[in-house]
Protein backbone atom coordinates (compact mmCIF):
# COMPACT_ATOMS: atom_id res chain seq x y z
CA UNK A 1 123.41 102.18 107.52
CA UNK A 2 126.46 103.17 105.11
CA UNK A 3 126.19 103.14 101.35
CA UNK A 4 128.65 104.48 98.72
CA UNK A 5 128.64 104.04 94.66
CA UNK A 6 131.18 104.80 92.15
CA UNK A 7 130.45 105.74 88.32
CA UNK A 8 133.05 106.05 85.38
CA UNK A 9 131.66 107.30 81.77
CA UNK A 10 134.46 107.07 79.16
CA UNK A 11 133.82 108.99 76.04
CA UNK A 12 136.03 109.76 73.19
CA UNK A 13 136.60 113.04 72.31
CA UNK A 14 137.43 112.97 68.54
CA UNK A 15 134.02 113.54 67.57
CA UNK A 16 133.30 116.64 69.56
CA UNK A 17 135.21 119.47 67.90
CA UNK A 18 135.07 122.51 70.54
CA UNK A 19 136.62 125.33 70.52
CA UNK A 20 137.24 128.47 72.62
CA UNK A 21 138.04 130.62 70.23
CA UNK A 22 139.23 130.46 66.31
CA UNK A 23 142.66 128.82 66.91
CA UNK A 24 142.81 126.95 70.74
CA UNK A 25 140.44 123.61 70.87
CA UNK A 26 139.22 122.69 73.98
CA UNK A 27 141.21 119.19 75.43
CA UNK A 28 138.13 117.41 76.76
CA UNK A 29 138.58 114.67 79.61
CA UNK A 30 137.81 110.99 78.27
CA UNK A 31 137.23 109.75 81.46
CA UNK A 32 134.74 111.55 84.08
CA UNK A 33 134.31 110.11 87.37
CA UNK A 34 131.53 110.07 89.88
CA UNK A 35 131.25 108.71 93.34
CA UNK A 36 128.24 108.80 96.48
CA UNK A 37 128.38 108.64 99.76
CA UNK A 38 125.89 108.74 102.26
CA UNK A 39 124.42 107.41 105.47
CA UNK A 40 121.01 106.87 107.02
CA UNK A 41 120.24 106.26 110.52
CA UNK A 42 116.72 104.87 111.90
CA UNK A 43 115.68 105.36 115.16
CA UNK A 44 111.59 104.29 115.58
CA UNK A 45 109.51 106.61 113.63
CA UNK A 46 112.79 109.16 113.13
CA UNK A 47 114.50 108.52 109.74
CA UNK A 48 117.61 110.80 108.67
CA UNK A 49 119.51 110.81 105.18
CA UNK A 50 122.73 112.27 104.44
CA UNK A 51 124.27 112.20 101.00
CA UNK A 52 127.29 113.66 98.77
CA UNK A 53 128.15 113.35 95.63
CA UNK A 54 130.93 114.42 93.51
CA UNK A 55 132.14 114.75 90.11
CA UNK A 56 135.14 115.62 88.10
CA UNK A 57 135.40 118.06 85.62
CA UNK A 58 132.82 117.23 82.72
CA UNK A 59 132.87 120.24 80.14
CA UNK A 60 129.50 119.81 78.36
CA UNK A 61 126.77 121.94 76.65
CA UNK A 62 124.94 121.87 79.62
CA UNK A 63 127.51 123.77 81.81
CA UNK A 64 128.89 125.58 78.70
CA UNK A 65 132.02 123.68 78.43
CA UNK A 66 133.39 125.10 81.48
CA UNK A 67 136.04 122.68 83.91
CA UNK A 68 134.46 122.82 87.06
CA UNK A 69 133.61 119.99 89.84
CA UNK A 70 130.34 119.07 90.43
CA UNK A 71 128.72 118.65 93.66
CA UNK A 72 125.69 117.74 95.22
CA UNK A 73 124.80 117.45 99.16
CA UNK A 74 121.58 116.51 100.55
CA UNK A 75 120.02 115.92 103.83
CA UNK A 76 116.51 114.89 104.67
CA UNK A 77 114.68 114.29 107.81
CA UNK A 78 111.33 112.45 108.64
CA UNK A 79 108.95 111.26 111.52
CA UNK A 80 106.20 109.21 111.48
CA UNK A 81 103.54 107.67 113.37
CA UNK A 82 100.01 106.56 113.24
CA UNK A 83 98.03 109.73 112.27
CA UNK A 84 101.08 111.77 112.19
CA UNK A 85 104.06 112.56 109.45
CA UNK A 86 106.46 115.01 108.63
CA UNK A 87 109.32 115.63 106.32
CA UNK A 88 112.00 118.29 105.92
CA UNK A 89 114.66 118.16 103.28
CA UNK A 90 117.21 120.30 102.04
CA UNK A 91 119.84 119.94 98.59
CA UNK A 92 122.33 122.15 96.91
CA UNK A 93 123.21 120.94 93.84
CA UNK A 94 125.93 122.88 91.85
CA UNK A 95 127.23 121.72 87.90
CA UNK A 96 125.74 118.49 88.17
CA UNK A 97 124.60 117.48 84.99
CA UNK A 98 125.77 114.10 84.04
CA UNK A 99 124.86 112.68 80.65
CA UNK A 100 126.37 109.79 78.51
CA UNK A 101 127.14 112.15 75.61
CA UNK A 102 128.69 115.90 76.47
CA UNK A 103 126.65 117.58 73.51
CA UNK A 104 123.14 116.08 74.33
CA UNK A 105 120.50 118.88 74.89
CA UNK A 106 116.98 118.05 76.36
CA UNK A 107 115.99 115.57 78.65
CA UNK A 108 117.97 112.32 77.08
CA UNK A 109 121.02 110.50 77.85
CA UNK A 110 121.22 111.35 81.77
CA UNK A 111 123.39 109.03 83.83
CA UNK A 112 122.32 110.79 87.33
CA UNK A 113 119.12 111.36 88.81
CA UNK A 114 118.42 114.56 90.34
CA UNK A 115 114.94 114.65 92.12
CA UNK A 116 113.20 118.02 92.14
CA UNK A 117 112.29 118.66 96.07
CA UNK A 118 108.37 119.04 94.61
CA UNK A 119 105.29 117.34 95.17
CA UNK A 120 104.11 115.07 92.01
CA UNK A 121 101.14 116.42 91.19
CA UNK A 122 98.48 114.32 89.31
CA UNK A 123 95.56 116.99 89.00
CA UNK A 124 95.62 118.78 85.67
CA UNK A 125 96.17 122.48 86.62
CA UNK A 126 98.32 121.92 89.51
CA UNK A 127 100.92 119.82 87.13
CA UNK A 128 100.14 122.77 84.30
CA UNK A 129 103.52 124.35 85.47
CA UNK A 130 105.90 121.42 86.63
CA UNK A 131 108.85 122.24 88.24
CA UNK A 132 112.19 119.85 86.78
CA UNK A 133 115.64 120.28 88.63
CA UNK A 134 117.61 122.97 87.40
CA UNK A 135 121.14 121.01 86.77
CA UNK A 136 123.32 124.04 86.55
CA UNK A 137 122.68 124.44 90.36
CA UNK A 138 120.27 125.33 92.80
CA UNK A 139 119.01 125.35 96.50
CA UNK A 140 116.24 123.44 97.39
CA UNK A 141 114.04 122.53 100.24
CA UNK A 142 110.53 120.91 100.94
CA UNK A 143 108.73 120.33 103.87
CA UNK A 144 105.51 118.44 104.34
CA UNK A 145 103.32 117.83 106.87
CA UNK A 146 100.27 115.30 107.33
CA UNK A 147 97.90 114.83 110.10
CA UNK A 148 94.84 112.43 110.29
CA UNK A 149 91.89 113.86 112.42
CA UNK A 150 90.03 111.02 114.42
CA UNK A 151 86.76 109.24 113.85
CA UNK A 152 83.49 110.80 116.04
CA UNK A 153 85.49 113.87 116.79
CA UNK A 154 84.60 117.50 116.37
CA UNK A 155 86.82 118.01 113.35
CA UNK A 156 87.08 114.74 112.16
CA UNK A 157 83.69 114.16 111.94
CA UNK A 158 81.98 110.64 111.40
CA UNK A 159 84.48 109.06 109.09
CA UNK A 160 87.49 111.17 110.20
CA UNK A 161 89.81 113.36 107.72
CA UNK A 162 92.83 113.72 106.64
CA UNK A 163 95.03 117.01 106.36
CA UNK A 164 98.08 117.49 104.66
CA UNK A 165 100.32 120.30 104.06
CA UNK A 166 103.29 121.01 101.65
CA UNK A 167 105.96 123.52 101.07
CA UNK A 168 108.92 123.91 98.27
CA UNK A 169 110.49 126.42 97.56
CA UNK A 170 113.79 126.52 94.90
CA UNK A 171 116.54 129.05 94.39
CA UNK A 172 119.41 130.07 92.35
CA UNK A 173 122.97 129.25 94.13
CA UNK A 174 125.64 132.27 94.54
CA UNK A 175 127.85 132.50 91.42
CA UNK A 176 130.52 134.90 91.20
CA UNK A 177 132.03 134.79 87.41
CA UNK A 178 135.80 133.60 87.19
CA UNK A 179 137.09 136.47 85.04
CA UNK A 180 140.48 134.55 84.16
CA UNK A 181 140.01 133.72 80.77
CA UNK A 182 136.73 135.85 80.01
CA UNK A 183 136.54 137.32 77.46
CA UNK A 184 134.53 140.99 77.55
CA UNK A 185 134.13 140.03 81.45
CA UNK A 186 132.19 137.00 80.78
CA UNK A 187 132.85 133.74 81.95
CA UNK A 188 134.11 131.87 78.51
CA UNK A 189 134.24 127.85 77.39
CA UNK A 190 137.51 126.85 78.85
CA UNK A 191 137.60 128.23 82.36
CA UNK A 192 136.58 126.89 85.72
CA UNK A 193 133.48 129.03 85.15
CA UNK A 194 132.51 130.61 88.57
CA UNK A 195 132.92 130.56 92.24
CA UNK A 196 130.17 129.75 94.65
CA UNK A 197 129.69 130.43 98.33
CA UNK A 198 128.37 127.27 99.42
CA UNK A 199 125.70 128.95 101.64
CA UNK A 200 124.71 131.91 99.82
CA UNK A 201 122.15 132.52 97.53
CA UNK A 202 121.82 133.98 94.13
CA UNK A 203 119.39 135.87 92.80
CA UNK A 204 116.34 134.39 91.31
CA UNK A 205 113.77 132.34 92.74
CA UNK A 206 113.27 129.57 90.39
CA UNK A 207 109.89 127.95 92.37
CA UNK A 208 108.16 127.61 95.08
CA UNK A 209 104.57 126.49 95.94
CA UNK A 210 102.41 125.66 99.17
CA UNK A 211 99.22 123.34 98.95
CA UNK A 212 97.03 122.28 101.35
CA UNK A 213 94.77 119.51 100.50
CA UNK A 214 91.78 118.00 103.07
CA UNK A 215 90.34 114.37 102.37
CA UNK A 216 87.25 113.81 104.20
CA UNK A 217 84.31 110.89 103.85
CA UNK A 218 81.06 112.78 104.12
CA UNK A 219 78.97 109.50 103.73
CA UNK A 220 79.34 105.74 103.72
CA UNK A 221 79.35 106.17 99.51
CA UNK A 222 80.79 109.92 98.94
CA UNK A 223 84.38 111.08 99.67
CA UNK A 224 85.45 114.64 98.91
CA UNK A 225 88.89 116.06 98.40
CA UNK A 226 89.82 119.97 98.26
CA UNK A 227 93.35 121.48 97.15
CA UNK A 228 94.73 125.18 97.23
CA UNK A 229 97.92 125.55 95.86
CA UNK A 230 99.70 129.11 95.26
CA UNK A 231 102.56 128.76 92.97
CA UNK A 232 105.10 130.92 91.42
CA UNK A 233 106.89 129.31 88.54
CA UNK A 234 110.23 130.74 86.79
CA UNK A 235 109.07 130.21 83.21
CA UNK A 236 112.08 131.93 81.74
CA UNK A 237 114.25 129.19 83.57
CA UNK A 238 112.32 126.05 83.04
CA UNK A 239 111.43 126.88 79.43
CA UNK A 240 113.73 129.78 78.37
CA UNK A 241 111.13 132.44 78.31
CA UNK A 242 107.73 134.00 80.23
CA UNK A 243 109.11 135.17 83.20
CA UNK A 244 107.84 134.46 86.79
CA UNK A 245 104.16 133.03 86.62
CA UNK A 246 102.30 133.49 90.28
CA UNK A 247 98.96 131.58 90.30
CA UNK A 248 96.64 130.45 92.56
CA UNK A 249 95.04 127.02 92.03
CA UNK A 250 91.63 125.36 93.64
CA UNK A 251 90.72 121.68 93.14
CA UNK A 252 87.57 119.88 93.90
CA UNK A 253 87.36 116.24 93.90
CA UNK A 254 84.38 114.06 94.48
CA UNK A 255 84.11 110.03 94.59
CA UNK A 256 80.90 108.11 94.96
CA UNK A 257 80.77 104.74 95.06
CA UNK A 258 77.62 103.19 93.25
CA UNK A 259 78.26 99.58 94.15
CA UNK A 260 80.91 97.63 95.12
CA UNK A 261 81.92 97.54 91.48
CA UNK A 262 81.00 100.92 89.80
CA UNK A 263 82.49 104.11 91.23
CA UNK A 264 81.80 107.24 89.53
CA UNK A 265 84.67 110.31 90.28
CA UNK A 266 84.44 113.84 89.48
CA UNK A 267 87.02 116.74 89.38
CA UNK A 268 86.49 120.56 89.21
CA UNK A 269 89.70 122.96 89.15
CA UNK A 270 90.11 126.62 88.76
CA UNK A 271 93.74 128.23 87.93
CA UNK A 272 93.91 131.98 88.06
CA UNK A 273 97.09 133.74 87.03
CA UNK A 274 97.67 137.59 85.09
CA UNK A 275 100.64 135.93 83.66
CA UNK A 276 101.28 133.69 81.00
CA UNK A 277 97.94 132.69 78.83
CA UNK A 278 95.66 133.81 82.10
CA UNK A 279 92.77 131.53 83.88
CA UNK A 280 92.00 128.16 82.98
CA UNK A 281 89.52 125.46 84.25
CA UNK A 282 88.74 121.75 84.04
CA UNK A 283 86.45 119.40 84.58
CA UNK A 284 86.40 115.77 84.88
CA UNK A 285 83.77 112.89 85.31
CA UNK A 286 85.64 109.29 85.15
CA UNK A 287 83.54 105.72 85.64
CA UNK A 288 85.43 103.01 87.02
CA UNK A 289 84.05 99.50 86.89
CA UNK A 290 85.82 96.53 88.06
CA UNK A 291 87.91 94.97 87.42
CA UNK A 292 88.44 96.18 83.17
CA UNK A 293 86.68 99.19 82.74
CA UNK A 294 87.28 102.98 83.05
CA UNK A 295 85.38 105.56 80.90
CA UNK A 296 86.65 109.43 81.22
CA UNK A 297 85.55 112.80 79.79
CA UNK A 298 87.28 115.76 80.55
CA UNK A 299 87.56 119.45 79.36
CA UNK A 300 90.34 121.71 79.95
CA UNK A 301 89.12 125.39 78.95
CA UNK A 302 91.74 128.54 78.87
CA UNK A 303 89.52 131.45 80.09
CA UNK A 304 92.44 134.07 79.51
CA UNK A 305 94.36 134.39 76.19
CA UNK A 306 93.04 131.72 73.71
CA UNK A 307 89.67 130.63 74.73
CA UNK A 308 90.38 127.32 73.38
CA UNK A 309 88.71 123.92 74.68
CA UNK A 310 90.95 120.68 74.96
CA UNK A 311 88.10 118.30 75.21
CA UNK A 312 88.93 114.51 75.70
CA UNK A 313 87.30 111.22 75.95
CA UNK A 314 89.10 107.94 77.26
CA UNK A 315 88.07 104.12 77.01
CA UNK A 316 90.64 102.08 79.28
CA UNK A 317 91.32 98.30 79.60
CA UNK A 318 93.29 96.88 82.54
CA UNK A 319 93.61 92.96 82.71
CA UNK A 320 96.70 92.24 85.00
CA UNK A 321 99.77 94.03 83.97
CA UNK A 322 98.32 95.35 80.75
CA UNK A 323 96.73 98.66 80.33
CA UNK A 324 94.99 99.71 76.71
CA UNK A 325 93.72 103.06 76.34
CA UNK A 326 91.69 104.43 73.38
CA UNK A 327 90.95 108.39 73.01
CA UNK A 328 89.47 110.91 71.22
CA UNK A 329 90.22 114.86 71.79
CA UNK A 330 92.30 118.11 71.49
CA UNK A 331 95.55 118.04 73.37
CA UNK A 332 97.60 121.32 74.43
CA UNK A 333 101.40 121.00 74.07
CA UNK A 334 102.57 120.34 77.94
CA UNK A 335 101.97 117.95 80.66
CA UNK A 336 99.02 115.77 80.22
CA UNK A 337 97.22 114.02 83.45
CA UNK A 338 95.09 111.03 82.89
CA UNK A 339 94.04 108.11 85.18
CA UNK A 340 96.59 109.78 87.76
CA UNK A 341 99.40 109.56 84.91
CA UNK A 342 101.42 112.44 83.77
CA UNK A 343 103.30 112.79 80.48
CA UNK A 344 104.59 115.40 78.33
CA UNK A 345 102.79 115.72 75.02
CA UNK A 346 102.98 118.13 71.49
CA UNK A 347 99.43 119.57 70.82
CA UNK A 348 97.73 117.37 68.81
CA UNK A 349 94.02 116.75 68.14
CA UNK A 350 92.58 113.43 67.27
CA UNK A 351 92.83 109.93 68.00
CA UNK A 352 95.72 108.26 70.51
CA UNK A 353 96.26 104.72 71.35
CA UNK A 354 98.39 103.46 74.21
CA UNK A 355 99.34 100.18 75.55
CA UNK A 356 101.24 99.89 78.77
CA UNK A 357 102.93 96.77 80.59
CA UNK A 358 103.78 96.86 84.23
CA UNK A 359 106.53 94.47 84.71
């Protein structure tokens, strides 16, 4: 299967007065073009995808208003059959922030999507330090292996067991400053910025994790999931401060079926680190009553620096495509996960009310 796409962004430069120095105003391109080409080959359980994207000069706040083309190259290969799967991926991106407004900051106004080659985490402490793609450029790798041990075997036991291992690593790309037009040896806005050897790494690790998950039904009514995660998170790169945070995360998740319509689930989590705010603990109980109700109580406790409890209670009502949730508690600033849904929230204390409709 072959695929391709083309995007043109037109943006007037009259409202953006960007000066390289006191007397030189940047001539900003009004048209920025981007194209993408991809090839996918599938045979049996094998699937290979190769993709390349290119963007013309797009000086913006994100790249320091430099005149350098952007590109992304990605290669992904997977294999699956009953009870076995693996996935390997590699991606190199360089200067590929693409927004509808060149002066925008934060997480808004993106035209393109650069997926992070890291596993999406739904457990609270595993999602405490989530990685987002660094649009200026990165080398990213991911490998995942899954295996189902058959029922009634020495390892699988009576009901079988599922094993999943995931590894992710994200590294800086090589950057050689372009000193033409530089100021005091530092790359200045209005220049081409830098050069970069394609296969060469830079000098910083942005993110790395390896996590191992086991899932096994111990009885007809009780299922247990265990997870261990070793993580390196460069908080300075992702958030602008904090250095490298190295953590070990342990998670146990038990699900007990009380009746065909009622299930009780519990979580116990522990994050150990000598960096940032220190260690964390998390506990949760969740009662689901099919088809409409879910009751949740949880407490996230920082046993390191702050000694603060972030307790929460939720009542959730589901009906078809509608989801209504009422809650009370204390929320830390950062990513908050409830019912498998994670979102970034500010620090708060009090009542919350949310409504979702799935089309």
